[in-house]
Amino acid sequence: MASRTADTLAEIPGVHHLALDIKAELLDLETLPETLQGLVYCPGTIVLKPFQRLTIDDFKEDFNINLLGAFKVIQGCLKQLKKSQTGASIVLFSTVAVKTSVAFHAFGGQR
């Protein structure tokens, strides 16, 4: 499991935490296992502004995390995913907006 901070992840039995800042230009994925059975990418970004107040920097931040971050992680894990004997899966989703629309979320609900 990878995230910027370990918080309570270190307390979960059998979980290895990899400190990873998805906004970094280069990702250090050297400590990944030799083979991965799957990859789940679920960034935790949300901009709660009406569309007319959304700035280019707001959009770039979400774009860098949600799209370019996914690209970097998938590209960095591809070698290990291809080694899966049963076929690996990749799942991409956002957090809050995956299930419901959120008011004032630039790409979700409307007000």
PDB file of N, CA and C in Angstrom:
ATOM      1  N   MET A   1       0.844  -1.161   0.000  1.00  0.00           N
ATOM      2  CA  MET A   1       0.000   0.000   0.000  1.00  0.00           C
ATOM      3  C   MET A   1       0.893   1.229   0.000  1.00  0.00           C
ATOM      4  N   ALA A   2       0.542   2.208  -0.795  1.00  0.00           N
ATOM      5  CA  ALA A   2       1.345   3.416  -0.889  1.00  0.00           C
ATOM      6  C   ALA A   2       0.486   4.638  -0.606  1.00  0.00           C
ATOM      7  N   SER A   3       1.070   5.574   0.121  1.00  0.00           N
ATOM      8  CA  SER A   3       0.428   6.861   0.390  1.00  0.00           C
ATOM      9  C   SER A   3       1.508   7.826   0.861  1.00  0.00           C
ATOM     10  N   ARG A   4       1.126   9.096   0.981  1.00  0.00           N
ATOM     11  CA  ARG A   4       2.103  10.092   1.448  1.00  0.00           C
ATOM     12  C   ARG A   4       2.517   9.832   2.891  1.00  0.00           C
ATOM     13  N   THR A   5       1.573   9.394   3.710  1.00  0.00           N
ATOM     14  CA  THR A   5       1.861   9.130   5.124  1.00  0.00           C
ATOM     15  C   THR A   5       1.333   7.762   5.516  1.00  0.00           C
ATOM     16  N   ALA A   6       1.975   7.138   6.481  1.00  0.00           N
ATOM     17  CA  ALA A   6       1.575   5.804   6.918  1.00  0.00           C
ATOM     18  C   ALA A   6       0.375   5.856   7.861  1.00  0.00           C
ATOM     19  N   ASP A   7       0.278   6.896   8.682  1.00  0.00           N
ATOM     20  CA  ASP A   7      -0.788   7.007   9.686  1.00  0.00           C
ATOM     21  C   ASP A   7      -1.040   5.669  10.370  1.00  0.00           C
ATOM     22  N   THR A   8      -2.213   5.106  10.194  1.00  0.00           N
ATOM     23  CA  THR A   8      -2.559   3.850  10.863  1.00  0.00           C
ATOM     24  C   THR A   8      -2.287   2.628   9.993  1.00  0.00           C
ATOM     25  N   LEU A   9      -1.760   2.829   8.797  1.00  0.00           N
ATOM     26  CA  LEU A   9      -1.518   1.699   7.895  1.00  0.00           C
ATOM     27  C   LEU A   9      -0.509   0.722   8.475  1.00  0.00           C
ATOM     28  N   ALA A  10       0.446   1.233   9.222  1.00  0.00           N
ATOM     29  CA  ALA A  10       1.480   0.376   9.810  1.00  0.00           C
ATOM     30  C   ALA A  10       0.898  -0.595  10.828  1.00  0.00           C
ATOM     31  N   GLU A  11      -0.282  -0.298  11.341  1.00  0.00           N
ATOM     32  CA  GLU A  11      -0.920  -1.158  12.339  1.00  0.00           C
ATOM     33  C   GLU A  11      -1.673  -2.337  11.728  1.00  0.00           C
ATOM     34  N   ILE A  12      -1.879  -2.350  10.435  1.00  0.00           N
ATOM     35  CA  ILE A  12      -2.635  -3.414   9.777  1.00  0.00           C
ATOM     36  C   ILE A  12      -1.696  -4.592   9.510  1.00  0.00           C
ATOM     37  N   PRO A  13      -2.009  -5.764  10.058  1.00  0.00           N
ATOM     38  CA  PRO A  13      -1.135  -6.924   9.856  1.00  0.00           C
ATOM     39  C   PRO A  13      -0.990  -7.277   8.370  1.00  0.00           C
ATOM     40  N   GLY A  14       0.224  -7.542   7.949  1.00  0.00           N
ATOM     41  CA  GLY A  14       0.485  -7.974   6.579  1.00  0.00           C
ATOM     42  C   GLY A  14       0.546  -6.853   5.561  1.00  0.00           C
ATOM     43  N   VAL A  15       0.423  -5.612   6.002  1.00  0.00           N
ATOM     44  CA  VAL A  15       0.466  -4.489   5.074  1.00  0.00           C
ATOM     45  C   VAL A  15       1.850  -3.851   5.116  1.00  0.00           C
ATOM     46  N   HIS A  16       2.455  -3.730   3.954  1.00  0.00           N
ATOM     47  CA  HIS A  16       3.725  -3.017   3.824  1.00  0.00           C
ATOM     48  C   HIS A  16       3.403  -1.642   3.257  1.00  0.00           C
ATOM     49  N   HIS A  17       3.851  -0.597   3.913  1.00  0.00           N
ATOM     50  CA  HIS A  17       3.577   0.756   3.450  1.00  0.00           C
ATOM     51  C   HIS A  17       4.765   1.319   2.682  1.00  0.00           C
ATOM     52  N   LEU A  18       4.478   1.873   1.525  1.00  0.00           N
ATOM     53  CA  LEU A  18       5.469   2.545   0.696  1.00  0.00           C
ATOM     54  C   LEU A  18       5.130   4.033   0.689  1.00  0.00           C
ATOM     55  N   ALA A  19       6.012   4.866   1.234  1.00  0.00           N
ATOM     56  CA  ALA A  19       5.788   6.315   1.202  1.00  0.00           C
ATOM     57  C   ALA A  19       5.915   6.795  -0.236  1.00  0.00           C
ATOM     58  N   LEU A  20       4.891   7.462  -0.737  1.00  0.00           N
ATOM     59  CA  LEU A  20       4.855   7.832  -2.148  1.00  0.00           C
ATOM     60  C   LEU A  20       4.113   9.155  -2.314  1.00  0.00           C
ATOM     61  N   ASP A  21       4.785  10.138  -2.870  1.00  0.00           N
ATOM     62  CA  ASP A  21       4.129  11.401  -3.200  1.00  0.00           C
ATOM     63  C   ASP A  21       3.884  11.404  -4.695  1.00  0.00           C
ATOM     64  N   ILE A  22       2.644  11.243  -5.076  1.00  0.00           N
ATOM     65  CA  ILE A  22       2.282  11.098  -6.484  1.00  0.00           C
ATOM     66  C   ILE A  22       2.600  12.347  -7.303  1.00  0.00           C
ATOM     67  N   LYS A  23       2.775  13.497  -6.631  1.00  0.00           N
ATOM     68  CA  LYS A  23       3.098  14.728  -7.343  1.00  0.00           C
ATOM     69  C   LYS A  23       4.580  14.853  -7.665  1.00  0.00           C
ATOM     70  N   ALA A  24       5.404  13.960  -7.142  1.00  0.00           N
ATOM     71  CA  ALA A  24       6.835  13.990  -7.447  1.00  0.00           C
ATOM     72  C   ALA A  24       7.049  13.680  -8.926  1.00  0.00           C
ATOM     73  N   GLU A  25       8.065  14.288  -9.497  1.00  0.00           N
ATOM     74  CA  GLU A  25       8.364  14.069 -10.918  1.00  0.00           C
ATOM     75  C   GLU A  25       8.678  12.599 -11.194  1.00  0.00           C
ATOM     76  N   LEU A  26       9.528  12.013 -10.371  1.00  0.00           N
ATOM     77  CA  LEU A  26       9.883  10.603 -10.508  1.00  0.00           C
ATOM     78  C   LEU A  26       9.417   9.854  -9.267  1.00  0.00           C
ATOM     79  N   LEU A  27       8.801   8.697  -9.457  1.00  0.00           N
ATOM     80  CA  LEU A  27       8.316   7.897  -8.344  1.00  0.00           C
ATOM     81  C   LEU A  27       9.329   6.813  -8.006  1.00  0.00           C
ATOM     82  N   ASP A  28       9.604   6.630  -6.733  1.00  0.00           N
ATOM     83  CA  ASP A  28      10.514   5.587  -6.287  1.00  0.00           C
ATOM     84  C   ASP A  28       9.703   4.333  -5.968  1.00  0.00           C
ATOM     85  N   LEU A  29       9.671   3.407  -6.905  1.00  0.00           N
ATOM     86  CA  LEU A  29       8.902   2.174  -6.756  1.00  0.00           C
ATOM     87  C   LEU A  29       9.819   0.958  -6.628  1.00  0.00           C
ATOM     88  N   GLU A  30      11.059   1.195  -6.243  1.00  0.00           N
ATOM     89  CA  GLU A  30      12.066   0.136  -6.159  1.00  0.00           C
ATOM     90  C   GLU A  30      11.731  -0.943  -5.136  1.00  0.00           C
ATOM     91  N   THR A  31      10.981  -0.619  -4.101  1.00  0.00           N
ATOM     92  CA  THR A  31      10.700  -1.607  -3.053  1.00  0.00           C
ATOM     93  C   THR A  31       9.430  -2.417  -3.315  1.00  0.00           C
ATOM     94  N   LEU A  32       8.866  -2.286  -4.498  1.00  0.00           N
ATOM     95  CA  LEU A  32       7.684  -3.089  -4.835  1.00  0.00           C
ATOM     96  C   LEU A  32       8.058  -4.559  -4.938  1.00  0.00           C
ATOM     97  N   PRO A  33       7.111  -5.449  -4.679  1.00  0.00           N
ATOM     98  CA  PRO A  33       7.387  -6.872  -4.893  1.00  0.00           C
ATOM     99  C   PRO A  33       7.720  -7.145  -6.361  1.00  0.00           C
ATOM    100  N   GLU A  34       8.355  -8.254  -6.611  1.00  0.00           N
ATOM    101  CA  GLU A  34       8.748  -8.614  -7.976  1.00  0.00           C
ATOM    102  C   GLU A  34       7.533  -8.846  -8.876  1.00  0.00           C
ATOM    103  N   THR A  35       6.452  -9.336  -8.287  1.00  0.00           N
ATOM    104  CA  THR A  35       5.221  -9.602  -9.025  1.00  0.00           C
ATOM    105  C   THR A  35       4.053  -8.924  -8.322  1.00  0.00           C
ATOM    106  N   LEU A  36       3.179  -8.290  -9.106  1.00  0.00           N
ATOM    107  CA  LEU A  36       1.956  -7.697  -8.566  1.00  0.00           C
ATOM    108  C   LEU A  36       0.755  -8.360  -9.221  1.00  0.00           C
ATOM    109  N   GLN A  37      -0.244  -8.682  -8.415  1.00  0.00           N
ATOM    110  CA  GLN A  37      -1.462  -9.290  -8.931  1.00  0.00           C
ATOM    111  C   GLN A  37      -2.474  -8.243  -9.366  1.00  0.00           C
ATOM    112  N   GLY A  38      -2.289  -7.021  -8.886  1.00  0.00           N
ATOM    113  CA  GLY A  38      -3.218  -5.965  -9.245  1.00  0.00           C
ATOM    114  C   GLY A  38      -2.758  -4.629  -8.735  1.00  0.00           C
ATOM    115  N   LEU A  39      -3.447  -3.606  -9.188  1.00  0.00           N
ATOM    116  CA  LEU A  39      -3.144  -2.232  -8.809  1.00  0.00           C
ATOM    117  C   LEU A  39      -4.461  -1.491  -8.667  1.00  0.00           C
ATOM    118  N   VAL A  40      -4.631  -0.814  -7.549  1.00  0.00           N
ATOM    119  CA  VAL A  40      -5.795   0.052  -7.343  1.00  0.00           C
ATOM    120  C   VAL A  40      -5.266   1.462  -7.140  1.00  0.00           C
ATOM    121  N   TYR A  41      -5.737   2.391  -7.959  1.00  0.00           N
ATOM    122  CA  TYR A  41      -5.315   3.789  -7.857  1.00  0.00           C
ATOM    123  C   TYR A  41      -6.544   4.606  -7.490  1.00  0.00           C
ATOM    124  N   CYS A  42      -6.544   5.161  -6.281  1.00  0.00           N
ATOM    125  CA  CYS A  42      -7.691   5.953  -5.827  1.00  0.00           C
ATOM    126  C   CYS A  42      -7.209   7.210  -5.113  1.00  0.00           C
ATOM    127  N   PRO A  43      -6.884   8.237  -5.880  1.00  0.00           N
ATOM    128  CA  PRO A  43      -6.378   9.471  -5.272  1.00  0.00           C
ATOM    129  C   PRO A  43      -7.453  10.168  -4.452  1.00  0.00           C
ATOM    130  N   GLY A  44      -7.012  10.967  -3.511  1.00  0.00           N
ATOM    131  CA  GLY A  44      -7.943  11.663  -2.632  1.00  0.00           C
ATOM    132  C   GLY A  44      -7.970  13.155  -2.865  1.00  0.00           C
ATOM    133  N   THR A  45      -8.310  13.603  -4.054  1.00  0.00           N
ATOM    134  CA  THR A  45      -8.391  15.033  -4.316  1.00  0.00           C
ATOM    135  C   THR A  45      -9.832  15.436  -4.566  1.00  0.00           C
ATOM    136  N   ILE A  46     -10.149  16.645  -4.176  1.00  0.00           N
ATOM    137  CA  ILE A  46     -11.479  17.186  -4.456  1.00  0.00           C
ATOM    138  C   ILE A  46     -11.392  18.705  -4.371  1.00  0.00           C
ATOM    139  N   VAL A  47     -11.950  19.376  -5.347  1.00  0.00           N
ATOM    140  CA  VAL A  47     -12.006  20.829  -5.356  1.00  0.00           C
ATOM    141  C   VAL A  47     -13.470  21.213  -5.198  1.00  0.00           C
ATOM    142  N   LEU A  48     -13.819  21.767  -4.061  1.00  0.00           N
ATOM    143  CA  LEU A  48     -15.208  22.131  -3.786  1.00  0.00           C
ATOM    144  C   LEU A  48     -15.445  23.606  -4.104  1.00  0.00           C
ATOM    145  N   LYS A  49     -15.476  23.894  -5.396  1.00  0.00           N
ATOM    146  CA  LYS A  49     -15.730  25.251  -5.873  1.00  0.00           C
ATOM    147  C   LYS A  49     -16.708  25.177  -7.031  1.00  0.00           C
ATOM    148  N   PRO A  50     -17.562  26.180  -7.157  1.00  0.00           N
ATOM    149  CA  PRO A  50     -18.372  26.248  -8.380  1.00  0.00           C
ATOM    150  C   PRO A  50     -17.440  26.389  -9.587  1.00  0.00           C
ATOM    151  N   PHE A  51     -17.855  25.897 -10.722  1.00  0.00           N
ATOM    152  CA  PHE A  51     -17.011  25.888 -11.915  1.00  0.00           C
ATOM    153  C   PHE A  51     -16.453  27.271 -12.245  1.00  0.00           C
ATOM    154  N   GLN A  52     -17.262  28.308 -12.091  1.00  0.00           N
ATOM    155  CA  GLN A  52     -16.807  29.655 -12.451  1.00  0.00           C
ATOM    156  C   GLN A  52     -15.692  30.157 -11.533  1.00  0.00           C
ATOM    157  N   ARG A  53     -15.509  29.557 -10.362  1.00  0.00           N
ATOM    158  CA  ARG A  53     -14.427  29.961  -9.453  1.00  0.00           C
ATOM    159  C   ARG A  53     -13.220  29.029  -9.525  1.00  0.00           C
ATOM    160  N   LEU A  54     -13.309  27.996 -10.324  1.00  0.00           N
ATOM    161  CA  LEU A  54     -12.204  27.068 -10.502  1.00  0.00           C
ATOM    162  C   LEU A  54     -11.070  27.766 -11.245  1.00  0.00           C
ATOM    163  N   THR A  55      -9.865  27.684 -10.716  1.00  0.00           N
ATOM    164  CA  THR A  55      -8.716  28.315 -11.374  1.00  0.00           C
ATOM    165  C   THR A  55      -7.952  27.275 -12.187  1.00  0.00           C
ATOM    166  N   ILE A  56      -7.121  27.753 -13.066  1.00  0.00           N
ATOM    167  CA  ILE A  56      -6.265  26.862 -13.851  1.00  0.00           C
ATOM    168  C   ILE A  56      -5.387  26.032 -12.918  1.00  0.00           C
ATOM    169  N   ASP A  57      -4.867  26.654 -11.855  1.00  0.00           N
ATOM    170  CA  ASP A  57      -4.025  25.921 -10.906  1.00  0.00           C
ATOM    171  C   ASP A  57      -4.809  24.819 -10.194  1.00  0.00           C
ATOM    172  N   ASP A  58      -6.082  25.087  -9.851  1.00  0.00           N
ATOM    173  CA  ASP A  58      -6.933  24.050  -9.255  1.00  0.00           C
ATOM    174  C   ASP A  58      -7.053  22.861 -10.213  1.00  0.00           C
ATOM    175  N   PHE A  59      -7.345  23.182 -11.461  1.00  0.00           N
ATOM    176  CA  PHE A  59      -7.519  22.135 -12.467  1.00  0.00           C
ATOM    177  C   PHE A  59      -6.219  21.369 -12.685  1.00  0.00           C
ATOM    178  N   LYS A  60      -5.094  22.077 -12.769  1.00  0.00           N
ATOM    179  CA  LYS A  60      -3.798  21.421 -12.978  1.00  0.00           C
ATOM    180  C   LYS A  60      -3.457  20.480 -11.833  1.00  0.00           C
ATOM    181  N   GLU A  61      -3.759  20.894 -10.601  1.00  0.00           N
ATOM    182  CA  GLU A  61      -3.482  20.054  -9.435  1.00  0.00           C
ATOM    183  C   GLU A  61      -4.263  18.737  -9.522  1.00  0.00           C
ATOM    184  N   ASP A  62      -5.559  18.826  -9.803  1.00  0.00           N
ATOM    185  CA  ASP A  62      -6.363  17.609  -9.944  1.00  0.00           C
ATOM    186  C   ASP A  62      -5.901  16.770 -11.133  1.00  0.00           C
ATOM    187  N   PHE A  63      -5.590  17.417 -12.238  1.00  0.00           N
ATOM    188  CA  PHE A  63      -5.118  16.721 -13.433  1.00  0.00           C
ATOM    189  C   PHE A  63      -3.826  15.962 -13.132  1.00  0.00           C
ATOM    190  N   ASN A  64      -2.896  16.622 -12.438  1.00  0.00           N
ATOM    191  CA  ASN A  64      -1.618  15.989 -12.112  1.00  0.00           C
ATOM    192  C   ASN A  64      -1.798  14.774 -11.208  1.00  0.00           C
ATOM    193  N   ILE A  65      -2.702  14.867 -10.254  1.00  0.00           N
ATOM    194  CA  ILE A  65      -2.907  13.752  -9.326  1.00  0.00           C
ATOM    195  C   ILE A  65      -3.775  12.664  -9.946  1.00  0.00           C
ATOM    196  N   ASN A  66      -4.895  13.048 -10.516  1.00  0.00           N
ATOM    197  CA  ASN A  66      -5.861  12.059 -10.991  1.00  0.00           C
ATOM    198  C   ASN A  66      -5.479  11.384 -12.311  1.00  0.00           C
ATOM    199  N   LEU A  67      -4.902  12.120 -13.221  1.00  0.00           N
ATOM    200  CA  LEU A  67      -4.570  11.533 -14.524  1.00  0.00           C
ATOM    201  C   LEU A  67      -3.081  11.213 -14.664  1.00  0.00           C
ATOM    202  N   LEU A  68      -2.241  12.227 -14.510  1.00  0.00           N
ATOM    203  CA  LEU A  68      -0.808  11.981 -14.670  1.00  0.00           C
ATOM    204  C   LEU A  68      -0.273  11.064 -13.578  1.00  0.00           C
ATOM    205  N   GLY A  69      -0.819  11.177 -12.370  1.00  0.00           N
ATOM    206  CA  GLY A  69      -0.415  10.282 -11.286  1.00  0.00           C
ATOM    207  C   GLY A  69      -0.732   8.833 -11.625  1.00  0.00           C
ATOM    208  N   ALA A  70      -1.929   8.601 -12.143  1.00  0.00           N
ATOM    209  CA  ALA A  70      -2.304   7.242 -12.549  1.00  0.00           C
ATOM    210  C   ALA A  70      -1.366   6.729 -13.630  1.00  0.00           C
ATOM    211  N   PHE A  71      -1.061   7.572 -14.602  1.00  0.00           N
ATOM    212  CA  PHE A  71      -0.138   7.194 -15.668  1.00  0.00           C
ATOM    213  C   PHE A  71       1.218   6.784 -15.100  1.00  0.00           C
ATOM    214  N   LYS A  72       1.770   7.611 -14.193  1.00  0.00           N
ATOM    215  CA  LYS A  72       3.093   7.321 -13.628  1.00  0.00           C
ATOM    216  C   LYS A  72       3.088   6.022 -12.820  1.00  0.00           C
ATOM    217  N   VAL A  73       2.045   5.800 -12.036  1.00  0.00           N
ATOM    218  CA  VAL A  73       1.983   4.589 -11.218  1.00  0.00           C
ATOM    219  C   VAL A  73       1.819   3.349 -12.096  1.00  0.00           C
ATOM    220  N   ILE A  74       0.925   3.400 -13.064  1.00  0.00           N
ATOM    221  CA  ILE A  74       0.737   2.245 -13.956  1.00  0.00           C
ATOM    222  C   ILE A  74       2.027   1.954 -14.714  1.00  0.00           C
ATOM    223  N   GLN A  75       2.637   2.981 -15.263  1.00  0.00           N
ATOM    224  CA  GLN A  75       3.884   2.795 -15.998  1.00  0.00           C
ATOM    225  C   GLN A  75       4.964   2.217 -15.090  1.00  0.00           C
ATOM    226  N   GLY A  76       5.038   2.696 -13.849  1.00  0.00           N
ATOM    227  CA  GLY A  76       6.041   2.218 -12.907  1.00  0.00           C
ATOM    228  C   GLY A  76       5.803   0.804 -12.412  1.00  0.00           C
ATOM    229  N   CYS A  77       4.558   0.317 -12.489  1.00  0.00           N
ATOM    230  CA  CYS A  77       4.216  -1.021 -11.995  1.00  0.00           C
ATOM    231  C   CYS A  77       4.031  -2.043 -13.114  1.00  0.00           C
ATOM    232  N   LEU A  78       4.096  -1.603 -14.347  1.00  0.00           N
ATOM    233  CA  LEU A  78       3.770  -2.476 -15.480  1.00  0.00           C
ATOM    234  C   LEU A  78       4.616  -3.750 -15.528  1.00  0.00           C
ATOM    235  N   LYS A  79       5.909  -3.634 -15.279  1.00  0.00           N
ATOM    236  CA  LYS A  79       6.783  -4.803 -15.317  1.00  0.00           C
ATOM    237  C   LYS A  79       6.332  -5.852 -14.302  1.00  0.00           C
ATOM    238  N   GLN A  80       6.007  -5.414 -13.086  1.00  0.00           N
ATOM    239  CA  GLN A  80       5.574  -6.343 -12.039  1.00  0.00           C
ATOM    240  C   GLN A  80       4.185  -6.901 -12.325  1.00  0.00           C
ATOM    241  N   LEU A  81       3.304  -6.098 -12.902  1.00  0.00           N
ATOM    242  CA  LEU A  81       1.958  -6.557 -13.237  1.00  0.00           C
ATOM    243  C   LEU A  81       1.998  -7.619 -14.338  1.00  0.00           C
ATOM    244  N   LYS A  82       2.886  -7.455 -15.304  1.00  0.00           N
ATOM    245  CA  LYS A  82       2.997  -8.411 -16.407  1.00  0.00           C
ATOM    246  C   LYS A  82       3.520  -9.769 -15.956  1.00  0.00           C
ATOM    247  N   LYS A  83       4.171  -9.819 -14.789  1.00  0.00           N
ATOM    248  CA  LYS A  83       4.711 -11.081 -14.277  1.00  0.00           C
ATOM    249  C   LYS A  83       3.647 -11.941 -13.590  1.00  0.00           C
ATOM    250  N   SER A  84       2.453 -11.417 -13.412  1.00  0.00           N
ATOM    251  CA  SER A  84       1.391 -12.186 -12.772  1.00  0.00           C
ATOM    252  C   SER A  84       1.029 -13.392 -13.632  1.00  0.00           C
ATOM    253  N   GLN A  85       1.011 -14.566 -13.026  1.00  0.00           N
ATOM    254  CA  GLN A  85       0.685 -15.797 -13.746  1.00  0.00           C
ATOM    255  C   GLN A  85      -0.807 -15.904 -14.069  1.00  0.00           C
ATOM    256  N   THR A  86      -1.626 -15.225 -13.292  1.00  0.00           N
ATOM    257  CA  THR A  86      -3.084 -15.325 -13.474  1.00  0.00           C
ATOM    258  C   THR A  86      -3.677 -14.115 -14.171  1.00  0.00           C
ATOM    259  N   GLY A  87      -2.854 -13.147 -14.502  1.00  0.00           N
ATOM    260  CA  GLY A  87      -3.351 -11.926 -15.132  1.00  0.00           C
ATOM    261  C   GLY A  87      -3.678 -10.884 -14.080  1.00  0.00           C
ATOM    262  N   ALA A  88      -3.050  -9.753 -14.166  1.00  0.00           N
ATOM    263  CA  ALA A  88      -3.240  -8.693 -13.183  1.00  0.00           C
ATOM    264  C   ALA A  88      -4.372  -7.765 -13.607  1.00  0.00           C
ATOM    265  N   SER A  89      -4.957  -7.103 -12.626  1.00  0.00           N
ATOM    266  CA  SER A  89      -6.020  -6.133 -12.872  1.00  0.00           C
ATOM    267  C   SER A  89      -5.580  -4.750 -12.421  1.00  0.00           C
ATOM    268  N   ILE A  90      -6.101  -3.734 -13.101  1.00  0.00           N
ATOM    269  CA  ILE A  90      -5.876  -2.348 -12.715  1.00  0.00           C
ATOM    270  C   ILE A  90      -7.243  -1.718 -12.518  1.00  0.00           C
ATOM    271  N   VAL A  91      -7.449  -1.114 -11.356  1.00  0.00           N
ATOM    272  CA  VAL A  91      -8.707  -0.446 -11.035  1.00  0.00           C
ATOM    273  C   VAL A  91      -8.399   1.012 -10.732  1.00  0.00           C
ATOM    274  N   LEU A  92      -9.111   1.914 -11.399  1.00  0.00           N
ATOM    275  CA  LEU A  92      -8.943   3.346 -11.184  1.00  0.00           C
ATOM    276  C   LEU A  92     -10.280   3.924 -10.741  1.00  0.00           C
ATOM    277  N   PHE A  93     -10.289   4.659  -9.634  1.00  0.00           N
ATOM    278  CA  PHE A  93     -11.502   5.356  -9.222  1.00  0.00           C
ATOM    279  C   PHE A  93     -11.152   6.517  -8.320  1.00  0.00           C
ATOM    280  N   SER A  94     -12.079   7.466  -8.234  1.00  0.00           N
ATOM    281  CA  SER A  94     -11.887   8.564  -7.292  1.00  0.00           C
ATOM    282  C   SER A  94     -12.535   8.150  -5.986  1.00  0.00           C
ATOM    283  N   THR A  95     -12.427   8.958  -4.982  1.00  0.00           N
ATOM    284  CA  THR A  95     -12.910   8.570  -3.668  1.00  0.00           C
ATOM    285  C   THR A  95     -14.369   8.965  -3.470  1.00  0.00           C
ATOM    286  N   VAL A  96     -14.626  10.146  -3.005  1.00  0.00           N
ATOM    287  CA  VAL A  96     -15.973  10.579  -2.671  1.00  0.00           C
ATOM    288  C   VAL A  96     -16.905  10.537  -3.882  1.00  0.00           C
ATOM    289  N   ALA A  97     -16.429  11.019  -5.025  1.00  0.00           N
ATOM    290  CA  ALA A  97     -17.288  11.158  -6.193  1.00  0.00           C
ATOM    291  C   ALA A  97     -17.563   9.841  -6.914  1.00  0.00           C
ATOM    292  N   VAL A  98     -16.998   8.748  -6.456  1.00  0.00           N
ATOM    293  CA  VAL A  98     -17.217   7.470  -7.134  1.00  0.00           C
ATOM    294  C   VAL A  98     -18.665   7.001  -6.996  1.00  0.00           C
ATOM    295  N   LYS A  99     -19.309   7.380  -5.916  1.00  0.00           N
ATOM    296  CA  LYS A  99     -20.655   6.880  -5.650  1.00  0.00           C
ATOM    297  C   LYS A  99     -21.733   7.950  -5.762  1.00  0.00           C
ATOM    298  N   THR A 100     -21.406   9.177  -5.373  1.00  0.00           N
ATOM    299  CA  THR A 100     -22.421  10.225  -5.372  1.00  0.00           C
ATOM    300  C   THR A 100     -21.861  11.508  -5.953  1.00  0.00           C
ATOM    301  N   SER A 101     -22.757  12.347  -6.388  1.00  0.00           N
ATOM    302  CA  SER A 101     -22.384  13.669  -6.863  1.00  0.00           C
ATOM    303  C   SER A 101     -22.248  14.584  -5.651  1.00  0.00           C
ATOM    304  N   VAL A 102     -21.283  15.482  -5.680  1.00  0.00           N
ATOM    305  CA  VAL A 102     -21.017  16.363  -4.559  1.00  0.00           C
ATOM    306  C   VAL A 102     -21.265  17.805  -4.993  1.00  0.00           C
ATOM    307  N   ALA A 103     -22.107  18.516  -4.260  1.00  0.00           N
ATOM    308  CA  ALA A 103     -22.380  19.917  -4.591  1.00  0.00           C
ATOM    309  C   ALA A 103     -21.085  20.719  -4.567  1.00  0.00           C
ATOM    310  N   PHE A 104     -20.943  21.638  -5.500  1.00  0.00           N
ATOM    311  CA  PHE A 104     -19.782  22.512  -5.660  1.00  0.00           C
ATOM    312  C   PHE A 104     -18.510  21.762  -6.013  1.00  0.00           C
ATOM    313  N   HIS A 105     -18.632  20.533  -6.413  1.00  0.00           N
ATOM    314  CA  HIS A 105     -17.481  19.804  -6.938  1.00  0.00           C
ATOM    315  C   HIS A 105     -17.460  20.108  -8.424  1.00  0.00           C
ATOM    316  N   ALA A 106     -16.370  20.644  -8.919  1.00  0.00           N
ATOM    317  CA  ALA A 106     -16.304  21.146 -10.281  1.00  0.00           C
ATOM    318  C   ALA A 106     -16.709  20.108 -11.316  1.00  0.00           C
ATOM    319  N   PHE A 107     -16.493  18.840 -11.043  1.00  0.00           N
ATOM    320  CA  PHE A 107     -16.810  17.809 -12.030  1.00  0.00           C
ATOM    321  C   PHE A 107     -17.943  16.930 -11.545  1.00  0.00           C
ATOM    322  N   GLY A 108     -18.646  17.353 -10.504  1.00  0.00           N
ATOM    323  CA  GLY A 108     -19.722  16.542  -9.938  1.00  0.00           C
ATOM    324  C   GLY A 108     -21.033  17.300  -9.952  1.00  0.00           C
ATOM    325  N   GLY A 109     -21.579  17.542  -8.770  1.00  0.00           N
ATOM    326  CA  GLY A 109     -22.903  18.155  -8.630  1.00  0.00           C
ATOM    327  C   GLY A 109     -22.943  19.601  -9.100  1.00  0.00           C
ATOM    328  N   GLN A 110     -24.135  20.107  -9.233  1.00  0.00           N
ATOM    329  CA  GLN A 110     -24.321  21.481  -9.684  1.00  0.00           C
ATOM    330  C   GLN A 110     -25.143  22.242  -8.658  1.00  0.00           C
ATOM    331  N   ARG A 111     -24.915  23.531  -8.568  1.00  0.00           N
ATOM    332  CA  ARG A 111     -25.731  24.405  -7.696  1.00  0.00           C
ATOM    333  C   ARG A 111     -25.985  25.685  -8.424  1.00  0.00           C
TER     334      ARG A 111
END
